[in-house]
Amino acid sequence: MGPLPKRKLSKRRKYNRRNHDKLTLNHLVLCSNCGKYKPAHQVCPECGFYNGTQVLNTEEEE
C-alpha cells in the first residue's frame, strides 16, 4: 500500500495548489498603424505592419 495523507487537505490549500492551472487571456495592444487590437509582439493581422514596417501584404482579393 502506498503512502497516504495523515490529514484531510482543506479546500483552500487544494485550490491554492491548483491556482496556476487557470487559463490566461492574451495580452492585446493597439496597433500603431491601424489602431486595432492585436497580440503583443506579433504582426497585425489587419494591416500587416510590425514595429512601423510593412511585413505582410494584406491586399483584399476581389
PDB file of N, CA and C in Angstrom:
ATOM      1  N   MET A   1       0.851  -1.180   0.000  1.00  0.00           N
ATOM      2  CA  MET A   1       0.000   0.000   0.000  1.00  0.00           C
ATOM      3  C   MET A   1       0.892   1.237   0.000  1.00  0.00           C
ATOM      4  N   GLY A   2       0.569   2.211  -0.828  1.00  0.00           N
ATOM      5  CA  GLY A   2       1.392   3.404  -0.965  1.00  0.00           C
ATOM      6  C   GLY A   2       1.194   4.389   0.176  1.00  0.00           C
ATOM      7  N   PRO A   3       1.948   5.467   0.151  1.00  0.00           N
ATOM      8  CA  PRO A   3       1.811   6.476   1.211  1.00  0.00           C
ATOM      9  C   PRO A   3       0.463   7.196   1.125  1.00  0.00           C
ATOM     10  N   LEU A   4      -0.117   7.425   2.266  1.00  0.00           N
ATOM     11  CA  LEU A   4      -1.410   8.105   2.340  1.00  0.00           C
ATOM     12  C   LEU A   4      -1.270   9.363   3.185  1.00  0.00           C
ATOM     13  N   PRO A   5      -2.089  10.392   2.918  1.00  0.00           N
ATOM     14  CA  PRO A   5      -2.010  11.608   3.727  1.00  0.00           C
ATOM     15  C   PRO A   5      -2.496  11.367   5.155  1.00  0.00           C
ATOM     16  N   LYS A   6      -1.846  12.032   6.112  1.00  0.00           N
ATOM     17  CA  LYS A   6      -2.239  11.879   7.516  1.00  0.00           C
ATOM     18  C   LYS A   6      -3.541  12.600   7.809  1.00  0.00           C
ATOM     19  N   ARG A   7      -3.733  13.755   7.119  1.00  0.00           N
ATOM     20  CA  ARG A   7      -4.930  14.558   7.381  1.00  0.00           C
ATOM     21  C   ARG A   7      -5.584  14.979   6.067  1.00  0.00           C
ATOM     22  N   LYS A   8      -6.868  15.345   6.178  1.00  0.00           N
ATOM     23  CA  LYS A   8      -7.601  15.813   5.005  1.00  0.00           C
ATOM     24  C   LYS A   8      -7.046  17.159   4.549  1.00  0.00           C
ATOM     25  N   LEU A   9      -6.902  17.331   3.229  1.00  0.00           N
ATOM     26  CA  LEU A   9      -6.447  18.601   2.659  1.00  0.00           C
ATOM     27  C   LEU A   9      -7.624  19.570   2.625  1.00  0.00           C
ATOM     28  N   SER A  10      -7.440  20.772   3.144  1.00  0.00           N
ATOM     29  CA  SER A  10      -8.528  21.751   3.127  1.00  0.00           C
ATOM     30  C   SER A  10      -8.773  22.238   1.697  1.00  0.00           C
ATOM     31  N   LYS A  11      -9.962  22.764   1.467  1.00  0.00           N
ATOM     32  CA  LYS A  11     -10.297  23.278   0.137  1.00  0.00           C
ATOM     33  C   LYS A  11      -9.375  24.421  -0.269  1.00  0.00           C
ATOM     34  N   ARG A  12      -9.061  25.281   0.666  1.00  0.00           N
ATOM     35  CA  ARG A  12      -8.215  26.443   0.379  1.00  0.00           C
ATOM     36  C   ARG A  12      -6.820  26.000  -0.066  1.00  0.00           C
ATOM     37  N   ARG A  13      -6.251  25.031   0.637  1.00  0.00           N
ATOM     38  CA  ARG A  13      -4.911  24.544   0.292  1.00  0.00           C
ATOM     39  C   ARG A  13      -4.925  23.837  -1.063  1.00  0.00           C
ATOM     40  N   LYS A  14      -6.007  23.104  -1.329  1.00  0.00           N
ATOM     41  CA  LYS A  14      -6.131  22.395  -2.602  1.00  0.00           C
ATOM     42  C   LYS A  14      -6.238  23.380  -3.760  1.00  0.00           C
ATOM     43  N   TYR A  15      -7.074  24.412  -3.621  1.00  0.00           N
ATOM     44  CA  TYR A  15      -7.268  25.362  -4.704  1.00  0.00           C
ATOM     45  C   TYR A  15      -6.065  26.284  -4.885  1.00  0.00           C
ATOM     46  N   ASN A  16      -5.324  26.562  -3.811  1.00  0.00           N
ATOM     47  CA  ASN A  16      -4.098  27.342  -3.957  1.00  0.00           C
ATOM     48  C   ASN A  16      -3.057  26.565  -4.744  1.00  0.00           C
ATOM     49  N   ARG A  17      -3.009  25.268  -4.560  1.00  0.00           N
ATOM     50  CA  ARG A  17      -2.065  24.449  -5.299  1.00  0.00           C
ATOM     51  C   ARG A  17      -2.417  24.419  -6.785  1.00  0.00           C
ATOM     52  N   ARG A  18      -3.706  24.456  -7.100  1.00  0.00           N
ATOM     53  CA  ARG A  18      -4.148  24.391  -8.491  1.00  0.00           C
ATOM     54  C   ARG A  18      -4.298  25.779  -9.118  1.00  0.00           C
ATOM     55  N   ASN A  19      -3.854  26.803  -8.459  1.00  0.00           N
ATOM     56  CA  ASN A  19      -4.075  28.171  -8.902  1.00  0.00           C
ATOM     57  C   ASN A  19      -3.401  28.466 -10.240  1.00  0.00           C
ATOM     58  N   HIS A  20      -2.272  27.835 -10.523  1.00  0.00           N
ATOM     59  CA  HIS A  20      -1.553  28.123 -11.761  1.00  0.00           C
ATOM     60  C   HIS A  20      -2.140  27.392 -12.965  1.00  0.00           C
ATOM     61  N   ASP A  21      -3.147  26.550 -12.776  1.00  0.00           N
ATOM     62  CA  ASP A  21      -3.741  25.797 -13.877  1.00  0.00           C
ATOM     63  C   ASP A  21      -4.779  26.596 -14.657  1.00  0.00           C
ATOM     64  N   LYS A  22      -5.123  27.789 -14.183  1.00  0.00           N
ATOM     65  CA  LYS A  22      -6.169  28.565 -14.852  1.00  0.00           C
ATOM     66  C   LYS A  22      -5.668  29.118 -16.191  1.00  0.00           C
ATOM     67  N   LEU A  23      -6.596  29.384 -17.091  1.00  0.00           N
ATOM     68  CA  LEU A  23      -6.265  29.953 -18.397  1.00  0.00           C
ATOM     69  C   LEU A  23      -6.080  31.457 -18.264  1.00  0.00           C
ATOM     70  N   THR A  24      -5.194  32.012 -19.089  1.00  0.00           N
ATOM     71  CA  THR A  24      -4.966  33.451 -19.071  1.00  0.00           C
ATOM     72  C   THR A  24      -5.310  34.033 -20.439  1.00  0.00           C
ATOM     73  N   LEU A  25      -5.715  35.281 -20.454  1.00  0.00           N
ATOM     74  CA  LEU A  25      -6.045  35.955 -21.696  1.00  0.00           C
ATOM     75  C   LEU A  25      -4.779  36.453 -22.385  1.00  0.00           C
ATOM     76  N   ASN A  26      -4.846  36.562 -23.706  1.00  0.00           N
ATOM     77  CA  ASN A  26      -3.721  37.114 -24.450  1.00  0.00           C
ATOM     78  C   ASN A  26      -3.581  38.595 -24.146  1.00  0.00           C
ATOM     79  N   HIS A  27      -2.348  39.075 -24.113  1.00  0.00           N
ATOM     80  CA  HIS A  27      -2.090  40.489 -23.875  1.00  0.00           C
ATOM     81  C   HIS A  27      -2.279  41.226 -25.198  1.00  0.00           C
ATOM     82  N   LEU A  28      -3.314  42.057 -25.291  1.00  0.00           N
ATOM     83  CA  LEU A  28      -3.617  42.778 -26.520  1.00  0.00           C
ATOM     84  C   LEU A  28      -3.159  44.225 -26.403  1.00  0.00           C
ATOM     85  N   VAL A  29      -2.608  44.753 -27.490  1.00  0.00           N
ATOM     86  CA  VAL A  29      -2.177  46.145 -27.553  1.00  0.00           C
ATOM     87  C   VAL A  29      -2.747  46.763 -28.823  1.00  0.00           C
ATOM     88  N   LEU A  30      -2.769  48.077 -28.871  1.00  0.00           N
ATOM     89  CA  LEU A  30      -3.248  48.773 -30.065  1.00  0.00           C
ATOM     90  C   LEU A  30      -2.162  48.803 -31.128  1.00  0.00           C
ATOM     91  N   CYS A  31      -2.554  48.563 -32.365  1.00  0.00           N
ATOM     92  CA  CYS A  31      -1.617  48.645 -33.490  1.00  0.00           C
ATOM     93  C   CYS A  31      -1.289  50.112 -33.716  1.00  0.00           C
ATOM     94  N   SER A  32      -0.011  50.411 -33.920  1.00  0.00           N
ATOM     95  CA  SER A  32       0.402  51.799 -34.125  1.00  0.00           C
ATOM     96  C   SER A  32       0.005  52.307 -35.495  1.00  0.00           C
ATOM     97  N   ASN A  33      -0.280  51.418 -36.439  1.00  0.00           N
ATOM     98  CA  ASN A  33      -0.624  51.833 -37.799  1.00  0.00           C
ATOM     99  C   ASN A  33      -2.139  51.997 -37.977  1.00  0.00           C
ATOM    100  N   CYS A  34      -2.910  50.945 -37.677  1.00  0.00           N
ATOM    101  CA  CYS A  34      -4.353  50.997 -37.944  1.00  0.00           C
ATOM    102  C   CYS A  34      -5.185  51.252 -36.687  1.00  0.00           C
ATOM    103  N   GLY A  35      -4.624  51.066 -35.490  1.00  0.00           N
ATOM    104  CA  GLY A  35      -5.347  51.355 -34.262  1.00  0.00           C
ATOM    105  C   GLY A  35      -6.228  50.235 -33.752  1.00  0.00           C
ATOM    106  N   LYS A  36      -6.179  49.051 -34.381  1.00  0.00           N
ATOM    107  CA  LYS A  36      -6.974  47.918 -33.912  1.00  0.00           C
ATOM    108  C   LYS A  36      -6.155  47.099 -32.929  1.00  0.00           C
ATOM    109  N   TYR A  37      -6.844  46.288 -32.127  1.00  0.00           N
ATOM    110  CA  TYR A  37      -6.154  45.463 -31.149  1.00  0.00           C
ATOM    111  C   TYR A  37      -5.480  44.274 -31.830  1.00  0.00           C
ATOM    112  N   LYS A  38      -4.264  43.948 -31.360  1.00  0.00           N
ATOM    113  CA  LYS A  38      -3.510  42.816 -31.874  1.00  0.00           C
ATOM    114  C   LYS A  38      -2.732  42.209 -30.718  1.00  0.00           C
ATOM    115  N   PRO A  39      -2.306  40.932 -30.823  1.00  0.00           N
ATOM    116  CA  PRO A  39      -1.459  40.346 -29.785  1.00  0.00           C
ATOM    117  C   PRO A  39      -0.108  41.061 -29.733  1.00  0.00           C
ATOM    118  N   ALA A  40       0.440  41.225 -28.546  1.00  0.00           N
ATOM    119  CA  ALA A  40       1.709  41.924 -28.384  1.00  0.00           C
ATOM    120  C   ALA A  40       2.838  41.154 -29.059  1.00  0.00           C
ATOM    121  N   HIS A  41       3.794  41.852 -29.643  1.00  0.00           N
ATOM    122  CA  HIS A  41       4.990  41.299 -30.285  1.00  0.00           C
ATOM    123  C   HIS A  41       4.651  40.399 -31.463  1.00  0.00           C
ATOM    124  N   GLN A  42       3.552  40.701 -32.171  1.00  0.00           N
ATOM    125  CA  GLN A  42       3.179  39.936 -33.352  1.00  0.00           C
ATOM    126  C   GLN A  42       2.735  40.895 -34.445  1.00  0.00           C
ATOM    127  N   VAL A  43       2.760  40.425 -35.674  1.00  0.00           N
ATOM    128  CA  VAL A  43       2.320  41.219 -36.815  1.00  0.00           C
ATOM    129  C   VAL A  43       0.822  41.445 -36.711  1.00  0.00           C
ATOM    130  N   CYS A  44       0.378  42.653 -37.042  1.00  0.00           N
ATOM    131  CA  CYS A  44      -1.044  42.975 -37.004  1.00  0.00           C
ATOM    132  C   CYS A  44      -1.757  42.199 -38.117  1.00  0.00           C
ATOM    133  N   PRO A  45      -2.796  41.415 -37.791  1.00  0.00           N
ATOM    134  CA  PRO A  45      -3.494  40.660 -38.830  1.00  0.00           C
ATOM    135  C   PRO A  45      -4.334  41.544 -39.749  1.00  0.00           C
ATOM    136  N   GLU A  46      -4.659  42.750 -39.318  1.00  0.00           N
ATOM    137  CA  GLU A  46      -5.491  43.641 -40.123  1.00  0.00           C
ATOM    138  C   GLU A  46      -4.689  44.353 -41.210  1.00  0.00           C
ATOM    139  N   CYS A  47      -3.556  44.965 -40.832  1.00  0.00           N
ATOM    140  CA  CYS A  47      -2.811  45.788 -41.792  1.00  0.00           C
ATOM    141  C   CYS A  47      -1.467  45.187 -42.185  1.00  0.00           C
ATOM    142  N   GLY A  48      -0.948  44.196 -41.453  1.00  0.00           N
ATOM    143  CA  GLY A  48       0.306  43.555 -41.811  1.00  0.00           C
ATOM    144  C   GLY A  48       1.541  44.312 -41.367  1.00  0.00           C
ATOM    145  N   PHE A  49       1.408  45.290 -40.481  1.00  0.00           N
ATOM    146  CA  PHE A  49       2.552  46.069 -40.010  1.00  0.00           C
ATOM    147  C   PHE A  49       3.077  45.486 -38.701  1.00  0.00           C
ATOM    148  N   TYR A  50       4.405  45.589 -38.508  1.00  0.00           N
ATOM    149  CA  TYR A  50       5.029  45.229 -37.236  1.00  0.00           C
ATOM    150  C   TYR A  50       6.135  46.235 -36.962  1.00  0.00           C
ATOM    151  N   ASN A  51       6.072  46.905 -35.844  1.00  0.00           N
ATOM    152  CA  ASN A  51       7.086  47.868 -35.417  1.00  0.00           C
ATOM    153  C   ASN A  51       7.293  48.976 -36.459  1.00  0.00           C
ATOM    154  N   GLY A  52       6.207  49.391 -37.097  1.00  0.00           N
ATOM    155  CA  GLY A  52       6.266  50.501 -38.043  1.00  0.00           C
ATOM    156  C   GLY A  52       6.677  50.136 -39.450  1.00  0.00           C
ATOM    157  N   THR A  53       6.907  48.860 -39.751  1.00  0.00           N
ATOM    158  CA  THR A  53       7.288  48.440 -41.103  1.00  0.00           C
ATOM    159  C   THR A  53       6.298  47.420 -41.627  1.00  0.00           C
ATOM    160  N   GLN A  54       6.048  47.465 -42.938  1.00  0.00           N
ATOM    161  CA  GLN A  54       5.131  46.526 -43.577  1.00  0.00           C
ATOM    162  C   GLN A  54       5.829  45.176 -43.720  1.00  0.00           C
ATOM    163  N   VAL A  55       5.223  44.157 -43.130  1.00  0.00           N
ATOM    164  CA  VAL A  55       5.806  42.814 -43.159  1.00  0.00           C
ATOM    165  C   VAL A  55       4.997  41.903 -44.073  1.00  0.00           C
ATOM    166  N   LEU A  56       3.682  42.001 -44.018  1.00  0.00           N
ATOM    167  CA  LEU A  56       2.800  41.162 -44.831  1.00  0.00           C
ATOM    168  C   LEU A  56       1.962  42.012 -45.759  1.00  0.00           C
ATOM    169  N   ASN A  57       1.680  41.485 -46.947  1.00  0.00           N
ATOM    170  CA  ASN A  57       0.736  42.139 -47.841  1.00  0.00           C
ATOM    171  C   ASN A  57      -0.661  41.663 -47.491  1.00  0.00           C
ATOM    172  N   THR A  58      -1.541  42.592 -47.179  1.00  0.00           N
ATOM    173  CA  THR A  58      -2.920  42.228 -46.843  1.00  0.00           C
ATOM    174  C   THR A  58      -3.874  42.893 -47.820  1.00  0.00           C
ATOM    175  N   GLU A  59      -3.545  42.791 -49.098  1.00  0.00           N
ATOM    176  CA  GLU A  59      -4.420  43.350 -50.131  1.00  0.00           C
ATOM    177  C   GLU A  59      -5.670  42.511 -50.223  1.00  0.00           C
ATOM    178  N   GLU A  60      -6.805  43.174 -50.346  1.00  0.00           N
ATOM    179  CA  GLU A  60      -8.071  42.459 -50.447  1.00  0.00           C
ATOM    180  C   GLU A  60      -8.225  41.902 -51.849  1.00  0.00           C
ATOM    181  N   GLU A  61      -8.551  40.611 -51.945  1.00  0.00           N
ATOM    182  CA  GLU A  61      -8.781  39.978 -53.249  1.00  0.00           C
ATOM    183  C   GLU A  61     -10.248  40.152 -53.612  1.00  0.00           C
ATOM    184  N   GLU A  62     -10.491  40.577 -54.831  1.00  0.00           N
ATOM    185  CA  GLU A  62     -11.880  40.805 -55.269  1.00  0.00           C
ATOM    186  C   GLU A  62     -12.274  39.834 -56.345  1.00  0.00           C
TER     187      GLU A  62
END
